[in-house]
Amino acid sequence: MGPVACERVDIAGARVFDQLSVLADPTRSRLPLLLQERQLSVSELCAVVQLPQSTVSRQLKLLTDEGWAACRADGAVRHRLAGLGSAADALWQTVRAALANTDP
């Protein structure tokens, strides 16, 4: 593997690690679980996770920046699990399965 190929792997690897690091936080990893079921507003998410609006909004921004969540402005802004690419979807399925096997 030449230096150019290593550079591409390092850049692609960094992106994967960035996506995974966002899910390392317990609060952030709960939000996609909720959003995969249906679109929710920030206030609806706050009611479920019992956290202040500022905390939920901050966590949603990080998830959106890394491609795990998306929002739709239609009157009230509603958030949803992003349409993940195949690699991110495979990561999410692994994370989701691991979360399902942990105690609440």
C-alpha atoms as a PDB file:
ATOM      1  CA  MET A   1       0.000   0.000   0.000  1.00  0.00           C
ATOM      2  CA  GLY A   2       1.571   3.269  -1.144  1.00  0.00           C
ATOM      3  CA  PRO A   3       1.561   6.606   0.700  1.00  0.00           C
ATOM      4  CA  VAL A   4      -1.471   7.934  -1.230  1.00  0.00           C
ATOM      5  CA  ALA A   5      -3.537   4.831  -0.353  1.00  0.00           C
ATOM      6  CA  CYS A   6      -2.556   5.180   3.324  1.00  0.00           C
ATOM      7  CA  GLU A   7      -3.654   8.811   3.245  1.00  0.00           C
ATOM      8  CA  ARG A   8      -7.087   7.822   1.910  1.00  0.00           C
ATOM      9  CA  VAL A   9      -7.469   5.136   4.578  1.00  0.00           C
ATOM     10  CA  ASP A  10      -6.479   7.608   7.298  1.00  0.00           C
ATOM     11  CA  ILE A  11      -9.032  10.164   6.090  1.00  0.00           C
ATOM     12  CA  ALA A  12     -11.799   7.571   5.702  1.00  0.00           C
ATOM     13  CA  GLY A  13     -10.882   6.020   9.062  1.00  0.00           C
ATOM     14  CA  ALA A  14     -11.012   9.408  10.764  1.00  0.00           C
ATOM     15  CA  ARG A  15     -14.565   9.929   9.451  1.00  0.00           C
ATOM     16  CA  VAL A  16     -15.699   6.557  10.813  1.00  0.00           C
ATOM     17  CA  PHE A  17     -14.129   7.294  14.206  1.00  0.00           C
ATOM     18  CA  ASP A  18     -15.826  10.708  14.281  1.00  0.00           C
ATOM     19  CA  GLN A  19     -19.186   9.073  13.594  1.00  0.00           C
ATOM     20  CA  LEU A  20     -18.613   6.444  16.277  1.00  0.00           C
ATOM     21  CA  SER A  21     -17.375   8.928  18.873  1.00  0.00           C
ATOM     22  CA  VAL A  22     -20.654  10.830  18.643  1.00  0.00           C
ATOM     23  CA  LEU A  23     -22.518   7.665  19.676  1.00  0.00           C
ATOM     24  CA  ALA A  24     -20.204   7.085  22.651  1.00  0.00           C
ATOM     25  CA  ASP A  25     -22.236   9.447  24.821  1.00  0.00           C
ATOM     26  CA  PRO A  26     -25.187   7.622  26.474  1.00  0.00           C
ATOM     27  CA  THR A  27     -27.615  10.491  25.886  1.00  0.00           C
ATOM     28  CA  ARG A  28     -26.678  10.851  22.236  1.00  0.00           C
ATOM     29  CA  SER A  29     -26.954   7.111  21.645  1.00  0.00           C
ATOM     30  CA  ARG A  30     -30.512   7.113  23.052  1.00  0.00           C
ATOM     31  CA  LEU A  31     -31.766   9.807  20.691  1.00  0.00           C
ATOM     32  CA  PRO A  32     -31.311   7.832  17.432  1.00  0.00           C
ATOM     33  CA  LEU A  33     -33.099   4.900  19.083  1.00  0.00           C
ATOM     34  CA  LEU A  34     -36.106   7.162  19.615  1.00  0.00           C
ATOM     35  CA  LEU A  35     -35.837   8.806  16.205  1.00  0.00           C
ATOM     36  CA  GLN A  36     -35.773   5.526  14.313  1.00  0.00           C
ATOM     37  CA  GLU A  37     -39.339   4.872  15.478  1.00  0.00           C
ATOM     38  CA  ARG A  38     -40.787   8.235  14.369  1.00  0.00           C
ATOM     39  CA  GLN A  39     -40.023  11.903  13.856  1.00  0.00           C
ATOM     40  CA  LEU A  40     -39.993  13.894  17.078  1.00  0.00           C
ATOM     41  CA  SER A  41     -39.628  17.545  18.028  1.00  0.00           C
ATOM     42  CA  VAL A  42     -37.059  18.686  20.573  1.00  0.00           C
ATOM     43  CA  SER A  43     -39.787  19.161  23.196  1.00  0.00           C
ATOM     44  CA  GLU A  44     -41.078  15.617  22.589  1.00  0.00           C
ATOM     45  CA  LEU A  45     -37.559  14.244  22.947  1.00  0.00           C
ATOM     46  CA  CYS A  46     -37.072  16.274  26.148  1.00  0.00           C
ATOM     47  CA  ALA A  47     -40.203  14.726  27.623  1.00  0.00           C
ATOM     48  CA  VAL A  48     -38.981  11.205  26.883  1.00  0.00           C
ATOM     49  CA  VAL A  49     -35.349  11.546  28.003  1.00  0.00           C
ATOM     50  CA  GLN A  50     -36.155  13.926  30.887  1.00  0.00           C
ATOM     51  CA  LEU A  51     -33.413  16.408  29.982  1.00  0.00           C
ATOM     52  CA  PRO A  52     -33.517  20.178  29.421  1.00  0.00           C
ATOM     53  CA  GLN A  53     -34.117  21.559  25.939  1.00  0.00           C
ATOM     54  CA  SER A  54     -30.609  22.999  25.717  1.00  0.00           C
ATOM     55  CA  THR A  55     -29.031  19.602  26.370  1.00  0.00           C
ATOM     56  CA  VAL A  56     -31.214  17.781  23.856  1.00  0.00           C
ATOM     57  CA  SER A  57     -30.675  20.482  21.214  1.00  0.00           C
ATOM     58  CA  ARG A  58     -26.912  20.355  21.692  1.00  0.00           C
ATOM     59  CA  GLN A  59     -26.890  16.554  21.385  1.00  0.00           C
ATOM     60  CA  LEU A  60     -29.092  16.691  18.272  1.00  0.00           C
ATOM     61  CA  LYS A  61     -26.754  19.189  16.649  1.00  0.00           C
ATOM     62  CA  LEU A  62     -23.805  16.850  17.147  1.00  0.00           C
ATOM     63  CA  LEU A  63     -25.800  13.910  15.779  1.00  0.00           C
ATOM     64  CA  THR A  64     -26.886  15.973  12.780  1.00  0.00           C
ATOM     65  CA  ASP A  65     -23.357  17.213  12.097  1.00  0.00           C
ATOM     66  CA  GLU A  66     -22.113  13.613  11.944  1.00  0.00           C
ATOM     67  CA  GLY A  67     -25.005  12.397   9.795  1.00  0.00           C
ATOM     68  CA  TRP A  68     -26.932  10.361  12.378  1.00  0.00           C
ATOM     69  CA  ALA A  69     -29.957  12.661  12.521  1.00  0.00           C
ATOM     70  CA  ALA A  70     -31.699  15.093  10.206  1.00  0.00           C
ATOM     71  CA  CYS A  71     -34.379  17.700  10.731  1.00  0.00           C
ATOM     72  CA  ARG A  72     -37.393  18.854   8.790  1.00  0.00           C
ATOM     73  CA  ALA A  73     -38.937  22.260   9.298  1.00  0.00           C
ATOM     74  CA  ASP A  74     -42.669  21.956   8.718  1.00  0.00           C
ATOM     75  CA  GLY A  75     -44.319  24.277  11.203  1.00  0.00           C
ATOM     76  CA  ALA A  76     -42.528  22.740  14.187  1.00  0.00           C
ATOM     77  CA  VAL A  77     -39.056  21.408  13.519  1.00  0.00           C
ATOM     78  CA  ARG A  78     -39.098  17.621  13.667  1.00  0.00           C
ATOM     79  CA  HIS A  79     -36.045  15.400  13.871  1.00  0.00           C
ATOM     80  CA  ARG A  80     -35.581  11.940  12.418  1.00  0.00           C
ATOM     81  CA  LEU A  81     -32.903   9.313  12.011  1.00  0.00           C
ATOM     82  CA  ALA A  82     -30.926  10.316   8.939  1.00  0.00           C
ATOM     83  CA  GLY A  83     -30.960   8.258   5.767  1.00  0.00           C
ATOM     84  CA  LEU A  84     -27.707   6.504   6.518  1.00  0.00           C
ATOM     85  CA  GLY A  85     -25.344   5.215   3.874  1.00  0.00           C
ATOM     86  CA  SER A  86     -24.564   1.511   3.878  1.00  0.00           C
ATOM     87  CA  ALA A  87     -21.431   1.813   6.042  1.00  0.00           C
ATOM     88  CA  ALA A  88     -23.119   4.078   8.615  1.00  0.00           C
ATOM     89  CA  ASP A  89     -26.207   1.878   8.576  1.00  0.00           C
ATOM     90  CA  ALA A  90     -24.068  -1.188   9.348  1.00  0.00           C
ATOM     91  CA  LEU A  91     -22.448   0.726  12.237  1.00  0.00           C
ATOM     92  CA  TRP A  92     -25.864   1.787  13.528  1.00  0.00           C
ATOM     93  CA  GLN A  93     -27.218  -1.771  13.418  1.00  0.00           C
ATOM     94  CA  THR A  94     -24.240  -2.918  15.510  1.00  0.00           C
ATOM     95  CA  VAL A  95     -24.649  -0.082  18.022  1.00  0.00           C
ATOM     96  CA  ARG A  96     -28.402  -0.621  18.217  1.00  0.00           C
ATOM     97  CA  ALA A  97     -27.971  -4.343  18.884  1.00  0.00           C
ATOM     98  CA  ALA A  98     -25.406  -3.623  21.606  1.00  0.00           C
ATOM     99  CA  LEU A  99     -27.703  -1.079  23.254  1.00  0.00           C
ATOM    100  CA  ALA A 100     -30.589  -3.532  23.196  1.00  0.00           C
ATOM    101  CA  ASN A 101     -28.477  -5.976  25.197  1.00  0.00           C
ATOM    102  CA  THR A 102     -27.660  -3.560  28.029  1.00  0.00           C
ATOM    103  CA  ASP A 103     -29.571  -2.844  31.208  1.00  0.00           C
ATOM    104  CA  PRO A 104     -31.522   0.454  31.216  1.00  0.00           C
END
